[in-house]
Amino acid sequence: MIGEAGEASPQAAATAPANGRGSASPSASATAPGPDVDRDLPLDAHLHTNLSPDSDVPIDAYCAAAVERGIPELAITDHLDFDPRAPAFAFADFGTRERTVREAAERWADRGLAVRFGVEISYESHREAEIRDHLAGHPYDFVIGSVHVMRHSPYTGARVASWVAGKSFAEVVAPYFDEVTAAIRSGLFDTLGHLDYVKKYLAGHVPPAAFAAAPDVYETALRGLVDTGTGLEVNASGLRQAPRETYPAAWAVARFRELGGVVVTAGSDAHRASSFAYGLARAYGIAAAAGFEQVAIRRSPGAPGPTDRVPIPERLRAARPAETP
């Protein structure tokens, strides 16, 4: 798993233009993300602490920020890889990760903050049996399954230009979306993280508008989410990265809803203290614009499928910006 190196700072991202059909509508984007906007929200369900190899944030830094900003619930979802060559393969063991989160939950409970013990698992189809075995023996409150760009991927910096050359858009993204669909069909995860994260690695070669112009490449994955009851994450990290739009963009969230999707989650995917909750209000607004009134979370170990619902704030539901055609 290749981490957050090279991501734009929230300050720089706030002034950068959005791209393509997936960009938020004017009413959704009139106010740039930041601490004054991304507050008084019920939940940030995707956060990485210094128990992820690409983060330097102590868990208490997120907890303090959450209390200050009126965000009463967090899910700590540090990375776990199953490729022995990957940085999160043995970076922090289960016991250490669970103890760190559970102890923080106790420390901050009297401040009105709930802290859930989650994980973000890097899905690779040839390692599905290992992932299944791990989850069977290790109880998490909340499990995100994500397809990351691993070091052997054609989308890495050293390979991406030659991979893109001479291929159609569908051919370029097929390996990534095939893995995404397999992750969904595995039935292992509460939610599918940053569904079209490959946009980040194709920036400079394939613009976000190309993804919006080819909605068919999403269709199998979105239908798989509906069929399996797996959640779709609206991941705000793309707002501070090269795509300058959420993973996935607003139009894909709307399509998920049209297909019968009922479970949506939202997270900032912060790896730096300055990125905590960045863009989270936008992510909630995109979910609301698609017709969702709640976001989901699983708050205790159990079978996959986020069972708890959290209302989207009325101020964001009332806005319901129109989807860009």
C-alpha atoms as a PDB file:
ATOM      1  CA  MET A   1       0.000   0.000   0.000  1.00  0.00           C
ATOM      2  CA  ILE A   2       1.418   3.349  -1.047  1.00  0.00           C
ATOM      3  CA  GLY A   3       0.499   6.023   1.452  1.00  0.00           C
ATOM      4  CA  GLU A   4      -0.325   9.694   1.627  1.00  0.00           C
ATOM      5  CA  ALA A   5       3.046  11.048   0.490  1.00  0.00           C
ATOM      6  CA  GLY A   6       2.584  13.812  -2.047  1.00  0.00           C
ATOM      7  CA  GLU A   7      -0.942  14.722  -0.969  1.00  0.00           C
ATOM      8  CA  ALA A   8      -1.760  18.403  -1.165  1.00  0.00           C
ATOM      9  CA  SER A   9      -2.137  20.261   2.090  1.00  0.00           C
ATOM     10  CA  PRO A  10      -5.700  21.140   3.074  1.00  0.00           C
ATOM     11  CA  GLN A  11      -4.793  24.813   2.692  1.00  0.00           C
ATOM     12  CA  ALA A  12      -3.615  24.339  -0.891  1.00  0.00           C
ATOM     13  CA  ALA A  13      -6.527  22.104  -1.773  1.00  0.00           C
ATOM     14  CA  ALA A  14      -9.030  24.658  -0.537  1.00  0.00           C
ATOM     15  CA  THR A  15      -8.026  27.066  -3.296  1.00  0.00           C
ATOM     16  CA  ALA A  16      -7.665  24.563  -6.141  1.00  0.00           C
ATOM     17  CA  PRO A  17     -10.375  24.134  -8.774  1.00  0.00           C
ATOM     18  CA  ALA A  18     -12.511  21.033  -8.907  1.00  0.00           C
ATOM     19  CA  ASN A  19     -12.554  18.868 -11.998  1.00  0.00           C
ATOM     20  CA  GLY A  20     -15.162  17.486 -14.338  1.00  0.00           C
ATOM     21  CA  ARG A  21     -18.699  16.271 -14.054  1.00  0.00           C
ATOM     22  CA  GLY A  22     -18.129  14.864 -10.571  1.00  0.00           C
ATOM     23  CA  SER A  23     -17.427  18.271  -9.044  1.00  0.00           C
ATOM     24  CA  ALA A  24     -19.770  19.561  -6.404  1.00  0.00           C
ATOM     25  CA  SER A  25     -22.450  21.935  -7.584  1.00  0.00           C
ATOM     26  CA  PRO A  26     -22.009  25.635  -6.761  1.00  0.00           C
ATOM     27  CA  SER A  27     -24.286  25.457  -3.732  1.00  0.00           C
ATOM     28  CA  ALA A  28     -22.287  22.540  -2.369  1.00  0.00           C
ATOM     29  CA  SER A  29     -18.881  24.111  -2.938  1.00  0.00           C
ATOM     30  CA  ALA A  30     -19.488  27.773  -2.168  1.00  0.00           C
ATOM     31  CA  THR A  31     -17.696  27.371   1.153  1.00  0.00           C
ATOM     32  CA  ALA A  32     -14.262  25.783   1.067  1.00  0.00           C
ATOM     33  CA  PRO A  33     -13.568  22.914   3.462  1.00  0.00           C
ATOM     34  CA  GLY A  34     -11.750  23.738   6.677  1.00  0.00           C
ATOM     35  CA  PRO A  35     -12.122  23.858  10.464  1.00  0.00           C
ATOM     36  CA  ASP A  36     -14.839  26.517  10.379  1.00  0.00           C
ATOM     37  CA  VAL A  37     -16.971  24.432   7.995  1.00  0.00           C
ATOM     38  CA  ASP A  38     -16.095  20.846   8.927  1.00  0.00           C
ATOM     39  CA  ARG A  39     -17.525  20.918  12.431  1.00  0.00           C
ATOM     40  CA  ASP A  40     -20.730  20.031  14.272  1.00  0.00           C
ATOM     41  CA  LEU A  41     -20.946  16.783  12.337  1.00  0.00           C
ATOM     42  CA  PRO A  42     -21.918  13.485  13.956  1.00  0.00           C
ATOM     43  CA  LEU A  43     -19.113  11.164  12.824  1.00  0.00           C
ATOM     44  CA  ASP A  44     -15.776  10.837  11.059  1.00  0.00           C
ATOM     45  CA  ALA A  45     -15.560   7.146  10.143  1.00  0.00           C
ATOM     46  CA  HIS A  46     -12.103   6.967   8.536  1.00  0.00           C
ATOM     47  CA  LEU A  47      -9.000   8.083  10.446  1.00  0.00           C
ATOM     48  CA  HIS A  48      -5.362   6.949  10.573  1.00  0.00           C
ATOM     49  CA  THR A  49      -3.130   7.360  13.614  1.00  0.00           C
ATOM     50  CA  ASN A  50       0.596   6.773  14.098  1.00  0.00           C
ATOM     51  CA  LEU A  51      -0.228   3.064  14.184  1.00  0.00           C
ATOM     52  CA  SER A  52      -0.460   3.336  10.389  1.00  0.00           C
ATOM     53  CA  PRO A  53       2.921   3.563   8.642  1.00  0.00           C
ATOM     54  CA  ASP A  54       1.902   6.639   6.636  1.00  0.00           C
ATOM     55  CA  SER A  55       0.504   8.689   9.531  1.00  0.00           C
ATOM     56  CA  ASP A  56       2.152  10.609  12.347  1.00  0.00           C
ATOM     57  CA  VAL A  57      -0.937  11.498  14.408  1.00  0.00           C
ATOM     58  CA  PRO A  58      -1.314  10.369  18.035  1.00  0.00           C
ATOM     59  CA  ILE A  59      -4.863   9.221  18.673  1.00  0.00           C
ATOM     60  CA  ASP A  60      -5.431  11.888  21.332  1.00  0.00           C
ATOM     61  CA  ALA A  61      -4.801  14.630  18.757  1.00  0.00           C
ATOM     62  CA  TYR A  62      -7.850  13.478  16.805  1.00  0.00           C
ATOM     63  CA  CYS A  63      -9.870  13.137  19.992  1.00  0.00           C
ATOM     64  CA  ALA A  64      -9.044  16.662  21.112  1.00  0.00           C
ATOM     65  CA  ALA A  65      -9.893  18.058  17.684  1.00  0.00           C
ATOM     66  CA  ALA A  66     -13.185  16.173  17.641  1.00  0.00           C
ATOM     67  CA  VAL A  67     -14.234  17.596  20.998  1.00  0.00           C
ATOM     68  CA  GLU A  68     -13.229  21.106  19.948  1.00  0.00           C
ATOM     69  CA  ARG A  69     -15.175  20.840  16.687  1.00  0.00           C
ATOM     70  CA  GLY A  70     -18.308  19.189  18.017  1.00  0.00           C
ATOM     71  CA  ILE A  71     -17.814  15.808  16.317  1.00  0.00           C
ATOM     72  CA  PRO A  72     -18.966  13.276  18.931  1.00  0.00           C
ATOM     73  CA  GLU A  73     -17.921   9.999  17.279  1.00  0.00           C
ATOM     74  CA  LEU A  74     -14.781   8.705  15.545  1.00  0.00           C
ATOM     75  CA  ALA A  75     -13.754   5.442  13.950  1.00  0.00           C
ATOM     76  CA  ILE A  76     -10.018   4.787  14.059  1.00  0.00           C
ATOM     77  CA  THR A  77      -9.250   2.719  10.977  1.00  0.00           C
ATOM     78  CA  ASP A  78      -5.520   2.114  10.819  1.00  0.00           C
ATOM     79  CA  HIS A  79      -4.106   0.251   7.838  1.00  0.00           C
ATOM     80  CA  LEU A  80      -3.639  -3.500   7.675  1.00  0.00           C
ATOM     81  CA  ASP A  81      -1.921  -5.107   4.688  1.00  0.00           C
ATOM     82  CA  PHE A  82      -1.571  -8.823   3.932  1.00  0.00           C
ATOM     83  CA  ASP A  83       1.304  -8.607   1.467  1.00  0.00           C
ATOM     84  CA  PRO A  84       4.497  -9.190   3.507  1.00  0.00           C
ATOM     85  CA  ARG A  85       6.245  -6.557   1.366  1.00  0.00           C
ATOM     86  CA  ALA A  86       3.689  -3.882   2.209  1.00  0.00           C
ATOM     87  CA  PRO A  87       4.362  -1.333   4.957  1.00  0.00           C
ATOM     88  CA  ALA A  88       1.269  -2.113   7.046  1.00  0.00           C
ATOM     89  CA  PHE A  89       1.821  -5.889   7.038  1.00  0.00           C
ATOM     90  CA  ALA A  90       3.315  -6.013  10.536  1.00  0.00           C
ATOM     91  CA  PHE A  91       3.560  -2.352  11.487  1.00  0.00           C
ATOM     92  CA  ALA A  92       1.349  -2.670  14.587  1.00  0.00           C
ATOM     93  CA  ASP A  93      -0.192  -5.862  15.919  1.00  0.00           C
ATOM     94  CA  PHE A  94      -3.884  -6.323  16.648  1.00  0.00           C
ATOM     95  CA  GLY A  95      -3.440  -6.173  20.418  1.00  0.00           C
ATOM     96  CA  THR A  96      -1.585  -2.872  20.300  1.00  0.00           C
ATOM     97  CA  ARG A  97      -4.110  -1.304  17.942  1.00  0.00           C
ATOM     98  CA  GLU A  98      -7.109  -2.474  19.945  1.00  0.00           C
ATOM     99  CA  ARG A  99      -5.632  -1.451  23.278  1.00  0.00           C
ATOM    100  CA  THR A 100      -4.708   2.007  22.000  1.00  0.00           C
ATOM    101  CA  VAL A 101      -8.224   2.685  20.742  1.00  0.00           C
ATOM    102  CA  ARG A 102     -10.072   1.171  23.699  1.00  0.00           C
ATOM    103  CA  GLU A 103      -7.950   3.118  26.187  1.00  0.00           C
ATOM    104  CA  ALA A 104      -8.533   6.352  24.265  1.00  0.00           C
ATOM    105  CA  ALA A 105     -12.255   5.623  24.271  1.00  0.00           C
ATOM    106  CA  GLU A 106     -12.165   5.380  28.059  1.00  0.00           C
ATOM    107  CA  ARG A 107     -10.087   8.552  28.451  1.00  0.00           C
ATOM    108  CA  TRP A 108     -12.393  10.652  26.294  1.00  0.00           C
ATOM    109  CA  ALA A 109     -15.789   9.212  27.203  1.00  0.00           C
ATOM    110  CA  ASP A 110     -16.451  11.822  29.881  1.00  0.00           C
ATOM    111  CA  ARG A 111     -15.919  14.516  27.236  1.00  0.00           C
ATOM    112  CA  GLY A 112     -18.829  13.111  25.258  1.00  0.00           C
ATOM    113  CA  LEU A 113     -16.667  11.416  22.612  1.00  0.00           C
ATOM    114  CA  ALA A 114     -17.186   7.852  21.370  1.00  0.00           C
ATOM    115  CA  VAL A 115     -14.157   6.192  19.734  1.00  0.00           C
ATOM    116  CA  ARG A 116     -14.676   3.004  17.699  1.00  0.00           C
ATOM    117  CA  PHE A 117     -12.021   0.395  16.953  1.00  0.00           C
ATOM    118  CA  GLY A 118     -11.905  -0.028  13.208  1.00  0.00           C
ATOM    119  CA  VAL A 119      -9.496  -1.108  10.506  1.00  0.00           C
ATOM    120  CA  GLU A 120      -8.860  -0.368   6.853  1.00  0.00           C
ATOM    121  CA  ILE A 121      -7.835  -3.577   5.121  1.00  0.00           C
ATOM    122  CA  SER A 122      -5.997  -3.497   1.804  1.00  0.00           C
ATOM    123  CA  TYR A 123      -7.914  -5.984  -0.300  1.00  0.00           C
ATOM    124  CA  GLU A 124      -6.083  -8.181  -2.803  1.00  0.00           C
ATOM    125  CA  SER A 125      -8.147 -10.944  -4.338  1.00  0.00           C
ATOM    126  CA  HIS A 126      -5.353 -13.517  -4.132  1.00  0.00           C
ATOM    127  CA  ARG A 127      -5.158 -12.877  -0.377  1.00  0.00           C
ATOM    128  CA  GLU A 128      -8.886 -13.064   0.308  1.00  0.00           C
ATOM    129  CA  ALA A 129      -8.612 -16.302   2.309  1.00  0.00           C
ATOM    130  CA  GLU A 130      -6.014 -14.719   4.613  1.00  0.00           C
ATOM    131  CA  ILE A 131      -8.193 -11.668   5.119  1.00  0.00           C
ATOM    132  CA  ARG A 132     -11.209 -13.855   5.862  1.00  0.00           C
ATOM    133  CA  ASP A 133      -9.257 -15.867   8.421  1.00  0.00           C
ATOM    134  CA  HIS A 134      -7.994 -12.712  10.110  1.00  0.00           C
ATOM    135  CA  LEU A 135     -11.440 -11.177  10.421  1.00  0.00           C
ATOM    136  CA  ALA A 136     -12.864 -14.436  11.778  1.00  0.00           C
ATOM    137  CA  GLY A 137     -10.448 -14.288  14.693  1.00  0.00           C
ATOM    138  CA  HIS A 138     -10.071 -10.564  15.321  1.00  0.00           C
ATOM    139  CA  PRO A 139     -13.169  -8.583  16.323  1.00  0.00           C
ATOM    140  CA  TYR A 140     -13.323  -5.027  15.052  1.00  0.00           C
ATOM    141  CA  ASP A 141     -16.162  -2.583  15.545  1.00  0.00           C
ATOM    142  CA  PHE A 142     -15.998  -1.361  11.943  1.00  0.00           C
ATOM    143  CA  VAL A 143     -14.185  -2.696   8.868  1.00  0.00           C
ATOM    144  CA  ILE A 144     -13.332  -0.756   5.713  1.00  0.00           C
ATOM    145  CA  GLY A 145     -12.164  -2.750   2.710  1.00  0.00           C
ATOM    146  CA  SER A 146     -10.148  -0.777   0.179  1.00  0.00           C
ATOM    147  CA  VAL A 147      -8.196  -1.432  -2.978  1.00  0.00           C
ATOM    148  CA  HIS A 148      -4.879   0.374  -2.693  1.00  0.00           C
ATOM    149  CA  VAL A 149      -2.181   0.942  -5.261  1.00  0.00           C
ATOM    150  CA  MET A 150       0.494  -1.520  -4.195  1.00  0.00           C
ATOM    151  CA  ARG A 151       4.123  -1.315  -5.250  1.00  0.00           C
ATOM    152  CA  HIS A 152       3.666  -3.942  -7.957  1.00  0.00           C
ATOM    153  CA  SER A 153       0.646  -2.113  -9.430  1.00  0.00           C
ATOM    154  CA  PRO A 154       0.644  -0.678 -12.963  1.00  0.00           C
ATOM    155  CA  TYR A 155      -0.570   2.589 -11.444  1.00  0.00           C
ATOM    156  CA  THR A 156       2.622   3.399  -9.519  1.00  0.00           C
ATOM    157  CA  GLY A 157       4.606   6.430 -10.598  1.00  0.00           C
ATOM    158  CA  ALA A 158       7.280   4.415 -12.362  1.00  0.00           C
ATOM    159  CA  ARG A 159       4.799   2.424 -14.430  1.00  0.00           C
ATOM    160  CA  VAL A 160       1.677   4.502 -14.940  1.00  0.00           C
ATOM    161  CA  ALA A 161       2.728   6.366 -18.090  1.00  0.00           C
ATOM    162  CA  SER A 162       3.586   3.189 -19.985  1.00  0.00           C
ATOM    163  CA  TRP A 163       0.438   1.503 -18.670  1.00  0.00           C
ATOM    164  CA  VAL A 164      -1.829   4.261 -19.964  1.00  0.00           C
ATOM    165  CA  ALA A 165      -0.155   4.581 -23.359  1.00  0.00           C
ATOM    166  CA  GLY A 166      -2.243   3.222 -26.212  1.00  0.00           C
ATOM    167  CA  LYS A 167      -5.066   1.935 -24.024  1.00  0.00           C
ATOM    168  CA  SER A 168      -8.718   2.914 -23.896  1.00  0.00           C
ATOM    169  CA  PHE A 169     -10.028   4.329 -20.635  1.00  0.00           C
ATOM    170  CA  ALA A 170     -11.819   1.062 -19.863  1.00  0.00           C
ATOM    171  CA  GLU A 171      -8.598  -0.886 -20.398  1.00  0.00           C
ATOM    172  CA  VAL A 172      -6.619   1.490 -18.195  1.00  0.00           C
ATOM    173  CA  VAL A 173      -8.898   1.155 -15.174  1.00  0.00           C
ATOM    174  CA  ALA A 174     -10.011  -2.479 -15.607  1.00  0.00           C
ATOM    175  CA  PRO A 175      -7.492  -4.093 -13.197  1.00  0.00           C
ATOM    176  CA  TYR A 176      -8.418  -1.658 -10.462  1.00  0.00           C
ATOM    177  CA  PHE A 177     -12.185  -1.957 -10.834  1.00  0.00           C
ATOM    178  CA  ASP A 178     -11.947  -5.757 -11.124  1.00  0.00           C
ATOM    179  CA  GLU A 179     -10.327  -5.823  -7.686  1.00  0.00           C
ATOM    180  CA  VAL A 180     -12.908  -3.386  -6.308  1.00  0.00           C
ATOM    181  CA  THR A 181     -15.713  -5.641  -7.503  1.00  0.00           C
ATOM    182  CA  ALA A 182     -14.026  -8.698  -5.977  1.00  0.00           C
ATOM    183  CA  ALA A 183     -13.672  -6.860  -2.657  1.00  0.00           C
ATOM    184  CA  ILE A 184     -17.372  -6.048  -2.684  1.00  0.00           C
ATOM    185  CA  ARG A 185     -18.426  -9.564  -3.665  1.00  0.00           C
ATOM    186  CA  SER A 186     -16.274 -11.050  -0.876  1.00  0.00           C
ATOM    187  CA  GLY A 187     -18.859  -9.915   1.676  1.00  0.00           C
ATOM    188  CA  LEU A 188     -16.081  -9.243   4.181  1.00  0.00           C
ATOM    189  CA  PHE A 189     -16.457  -5.532   4.743  1.00  0.00           C
ATOM    190  CA  ASP A 190     -18.869  -3.062   6.270  1.00  0.00           C
ATOM    191  CA  THR A 191     -18.047  -0.481   3.618  1.00  0.00           C
ATOM    192  CA  LEU A 192     -15.967  -0.157   0.476  1.00  0.00           C
ATOM    193  CA  GLY A 193     -13.387   2.586   0.960  1.00  0.00           C
ATOM    194  CA  HIS A 194     -12.611   5.270  -1.640  1.00  0.00           C
ATOM    195  CA  LEU A 195     -14.169   3.358  -4.533  1.00  0.00           C
ATOM    196  CA  ASP A 196     -12.299   5.134  -7.354  1.00  0.00           C
ATOM    197  CA  TYR A 197      -9.067   5.952  -5.516  1.00  0.00           C
ATOM    198  CA  VAL A 198      -7.137   5.100  -8.679  1.00  0.00           C
ATOM    199  CA  LYS A 199      -8.063   8.621  -9.851  1.00  0.00           C
ATOM    200  CA  LYS A 200      -5.287   9.907  -7.597  1.00  0.00           C
ATOM    201  CA  TYR A 201      -2.618   7.844  -9.329  1.00  0.00           C
ATOM    202  CA  LEU A 202      -3.865   8.563 -12.830  1.00  0.00           C
ATOM    203  CA  ALA A 203      -3.907  12.338 -12.299  1.00  0.00           C
ATOM    204  CA  GLY A 204      -1.786  13.938 -14.986  1.00  0.00           C
ATOM    205  CA  HIS A 205      -2.609  11.090 -17.357  1.00  0.00           C
ATOM    206  CA  VAL A 206      -6.370  10.644 -17.053  1.00  0.00           C
ATOM    207  CA  PRO A 207      -8.444  13.559 -15.680  1.00  0.00           C
ATOM    208  CA  PRO A 208     -11.360  13.008 -13.295  1.00  0.00           C
ATOM    209  CA  ALA A 209     -13.691  14.096 -16.089  1.00  0.00           C
ATOM    210  CA  ALA A 210     -12.776  10.912 -17.963  1.00  0.00           C
ATOM    211  CA  PHE A 211     -14.154   8.847 -15.085  1.00  0.00           C
ATOM    212  CA  ALA A 212     -17.413  10.797 -15.101  1.00  0.00           C
ATOM    213  CA  ALA A 213     -17.654  10.348 -18.861  1.00  0.00           C
ATOM    214  CA  ALA A 214     -17.497   6.557 -18.488  1.00  0.00           C
ATOM    215  CA  PRO A 215     -20.099   5.690 -15.831  1.00  0.00           C
ATOM    216  CA  ASP A 216     -20.383   2.136 -17.129  1.00  0.00           C
ATOM    217  CA  VAL A 217     -17.056   1.233 -15.535  1.00  0.00           C
ATOM    218  CA  TYR A 218     -18.657   1.867 -12.121  1.00  0.00           C
ATOM    219  CA  GLU A 219     -21.871  -0.002 -12.729  1.00  0.00           C
ATOM    220  CA  THR A 220     -20.794  -3.519 -11.755  1.00  0.00           C
ATOM    221  CA  ALA A 221     -19.230  -2.288  -8.540  1.00  0.00           C
ATOM    222  CA  LEU A 222     -22.200  -0.123  -7.587  1.00  0.00           C
ATOM    223  CA  ARG A 223     -24.640  -2.958  -8.276  1.00  0.00           C
ATOM    224  CA  GLY A 224     -22.442  -5.262  -6.210  1.00  0.00           C
ATOM    225  CA  LEU A 225     -22.677  -2.888  -3.261  1.00  0.00           C
ATOM    226  CA  VAL A 226     -26.458  -2.927  -3.524  1.00  0.00           C
ATOM    227  CA  ASP A 227     -26.628  -6.711  -3.886  1.00  0.00           C
ATOM    228  CA  THR A 228     -24.357  -7.426  -0.909  1.00  0.00           C
ATOM    229  CA  GLY A 229     -25.556  -4.640   1.386  1.00  0.00           C
ATOM    230  CA  THR A 230     -22.018  -3.278   1.598  1.00  0.00           C
ATOM    231  CA  GLY A 231     -21.746   0.427   2.313  1.00  0.00           C
ATOM    232  CA  LEU A 232     -20.405   2.997  -0.122  1.00  0.00           C
ATOM    233  CA  GLU A 233     -17.947   5.350   1.509  1.00  0.00           C
ATOM    234  CA  VAL A 234     -17.970   8.995   0.508  1.00  0.00           C
ATOM    235  CA  ASN A 235     -14.287   9.643   1.134  1.00  0.00           C
ATOM    236  CA  ALA A 236     -13.291  13.287   1.447  1.00  0.00           C
ATOM    237  CA  SER A 237      -9.546  12.827   0.956  1.00  0.00           C
ATOM    238  CA  GLY A 238      -9.786  13.444  -2.781  1.00  0.00           C
ATOM    239  CA  LEU A 239     -10.708  17.044  -2.022  1.00  0.00           C
ATOM    240  CA  ARG A 240      -7.165  17.619  -0.760  1.00  0.00           C
ATOM    241  CA  GLN A 241      -5.502  15.421  -3.379  1.00  0.00           C
ATOM    242  CA  ALA A 242      -5.027  15.779  -7.123  1.00  0.00           C
ATOM    243  CA  PRO A 243      -8.598  14.856  -8.198  1.00  0.00           C
ATOM    244  CA  ARG A 244     -10.079  17.698  -6.070  1.00  0.00           C
ATOM    245  CA  GLU A 245     -13.272  15.698  -5.672  1.00  0.00           C
ATOM    246  CA  THR A 246     -14.491  12.991  -3.348  1.00  0.00           C
ATOM    247  CA  TYR A 247     -13.949   9.277  -3.896  1.00  0.00           C
ATOM    248  CA  PRO A 248     -16.333   8.653  -5.579  1.00  0.00           C
ATOM    249  CA  ALA A 249     -17.667  11.904  -6.994  1.00  0.00           C
ATOM    250  CA  ALA A 250     -21.199  13.123  -6.398  1.00  0.00           C
ATOM    251  CA  TRP A 251     -22.640  11.654  -9.591  1.00  0.00           C
ATOM    252  CA  ALA A 252     -21.544   8.118  -8.600  1.00  0.00           C
ATOM    253  CA  VAL A 253     -23.087   8.462  -5.136  1.00  0.00           C
ATOM    254  CA  ALA A 254     -26.330   9.560  -6.807  1.00  0.00           C
ATOM    255  CA  ARG A 255     -26.184   6.563  -9.151  1.00  0.00           C
ATOM    256  CA  PHE A 256     -25.679   4.224  -6.181  1.00  0.00           C
ATOM    257  CA  ARG A 257     -28.846   5.628  -4.643  1.00  0.00           C
ATOM    258  CA  GLU A 258     -30.745   5.232  -7.941  1.00  0.00           C
ATOM    259  CA  LEU A 259     -29.755   1.568  -8.035  1.00  0.00           C
ATOM    260  CA  GLY A 260     -31.254   1.009  -4.579  1.00  0.00           C
ATOM    261  CA  GLY A 261     -28.234   1.651  -2.365  1.00  0.00           C
ATOM    262  CA  VAL A 262     -29.190   2.250   1.248  1.00  0.00           C
ATOM    263  CA  VAL A 263     -25.872   2.196   3.161  1.00  0.00           C
ATOM    264  CA  VAL A 264     -23.464   5.104   2.872  1.00  0.00           C
ATOM    265  CA  THR A 265     -20.549   6.001   5.138  1.00  0.00           C
ATOM    266  CA  ALA A 266     -18.420   9.148   5.309  1.00  0.00           C
ATOM    267  CA  GLY A 267     -14.866   9.820   6.387  1.00  0.00           C
ATOM    268  CA  SER A 268     -12.022  12.281   5.995  1.00  0.00           C
ATOM    269  CA  ASP A 269      -9.363   9.555   5.670  1.00  0.00           C
ATOM    270  CA  ALA A 270      -7.007  11.845   7.563  1.00  0.00           C
ATOM    271  CA  HIS A 271      -3.357  10.870   7.926  1.00  0.00           C
ATOM    272  CA  ARG A 272      -2.234  14.256   9.296  1.00  0.00           C
ATOM    273  CA  ALA A 273      -3.654  16.260  12.170  1.00  0.00           C
ATOM    274  CA  SER A 274      -4.352  19.162   9.807  1.00  0.00           C
ATOM    275  CA  SER A 275      -6.525  16.875   7.659  1.00  0.00           C
ATOM    276  CA  PHE A 276      -8.863  15.823  10.445  1.00  0.00           C
ATOM    277  CA  ALA A 277     -12.466  16.089   9.184  1.00  0.00           C
ATOM    278  CA  TYR A 278     -11.275  18.046   6.131  1.00  0.00           C
ATOM    279  CA  GLY A 279     -14.052  18.017   3.541  1.00  0.00           C
ATOM    280  CA  LEU A 280     -16.351  15.989   5.761  1.00  0.00           C
ATOM    281  CA  ALA A 281     -19.211  18.474   5.488  1.00  0.00           C
ATOM    282  CA  ARG A 282     -18.901  18.244   1.693  1.00  0.00           C
ATOM    283  CA  ALA A 283     -19.037  14.437   1.893  1.00  0.00           C
ATOM    284  CA  TYR A 284     -22.169  14.578   4.029  1.00  0.00           C
ATOM    285  CA  GLY A 285     -23.676  17.100   1.633  1.00  0.00           C
ATOM    286  CA  ILE A 286     -23.020  14.833  -1.344  1.00  0.00           C
ATOM    287  CA  ALA A 287     -24.744  11.955   0.430  1.00  0.00           C
ATOM    288  CA  ALA A 288     -27.684  14.202   1.274  1.00  0.00           C
ATOM    289  CA  ALA A 289     -27.909  15.463  -2.310  1.00  0.00           C
ATOM    290  CA  ALA A 290     -28.188  11.864  -3.487  1.00  0.00           C
ATOM    291  CA  GLY A 291     -31.171  11.352  -1.198  1.00  0.00           C
ATOM    292  CA  PHE A 292     -29.572   9.806   1.882  1.00  0.00           C
ATOM    293  CA  GLU A 293     -30.757  11.055   5.258  1.00  0.00           C
ATOM    294  CA  GLN A 294     -28.314   9.004   7.353  1.00  0.00           C
ATOM    295  CA  VAL A 295     -24.788   7.696   7.305  1.00  0.00           C
ATOM    296  CA  ALA A 296     -23.900   4.290   8.697  1.00  0.00           C
ATOM    297  CA  ILE A 297     -21.426   2.815  11.172  1.00  0.00           C
ATOM    298  CA  ARG A 298     -21.014  -0.493  12.994  1.00  0.00           C
ATOM    299  CA  ARG A 299     -20.288   0.170  16.662  1.00  0.00           C
ATOM    300  CA  SER A 300     -19.397  -3.283  17.940  1.00  0.00           C
ATOM    301  CA  PRO A 301     -17.925  -6.534  16.615  1.00  0.00           C
ATOM    302  CA  GLY A 302     -20.276  -8.646  14.542  1.00  0.00           C
ATOM    303  CA  ALA A 303     -21.168  -9.824  11.075  1.00  0.00           C
ATOM    304  CA  PRO A 304     -20.272  -7.466   8.198  1.00  0.00           C
ATOM    305  CA  GLY A 305     -22.792  -4.730   7.568  1.00  0.00           C
ATOM    306  CA  PRO A 306     -22.941  -1.381   9.380  1.00  0.00           C
ATOM    307  CA  THR A 307     -26.006  -1.706  11.574  1.00  0.00           C
ATOM    308  CA  ASP A 308     -26.169   1.726  13.197  1.00  0.00           C
ATOM    309  CA  ARG A 309     -27.428   4.874  11.509  1.00  0.00           C
ATOM    310  CA  VAL A 310     -26.522   8.494  12.229  1.00  0.00           C
ATOM    311  CA  PRO A 311     -28.677  11.334  10.864  1.00  0.00           C
ATOM    312  CA  ILE A 312     -27.071  13.748   8.428  1.00  0.00           C
ATOM    313  CA  PRO A 313     -27.364  17.250   9.935  1.00  0.00           C
ATOM    314  CA  GLU A 314     -30.489  19.066   8.855  1.00  0.00           C
ATOM    315  CA  ARG A 315     -28.508  22.044   7.524  1.00  0.00           C
ATOM    316  CA  LEU A 316     -26.892  19.737   4.960  1.00  0.00           C
ATOM    317  CA  ARG A 317     -30.052  17.810   4.138  1.00  0.00           C
ATOM    318  CA  ALA A 318     -31.966  21.038   3.634  1.00  0.00           C
ATOM    319  CA  ALA A 319     -29.441  22.277   1.075  1.00  0.00           C
ATOM    320  CA  ARG A 320     -29.649  19.151  -1.145  1.00  0.00           C
ATOM    321  CA  PRO A 321     -27.712  20.654  -4.054  1.00  0.00           C
ATOM    322  CA  ALA A 322     -28.770  19.459  -7.491  1.00  0.00           C
ATOM    323  CA  GLU A 323     -26.595  16.796  -9.148  1.00  0.00           C
ATOM    324  CA  THR A 324     -24.458  18.103 -11.985  1.00  0.00           C
ATOM    325  CA  PRO A 325     -25.761  16.597 -15.229  1.00  0.00           C
END
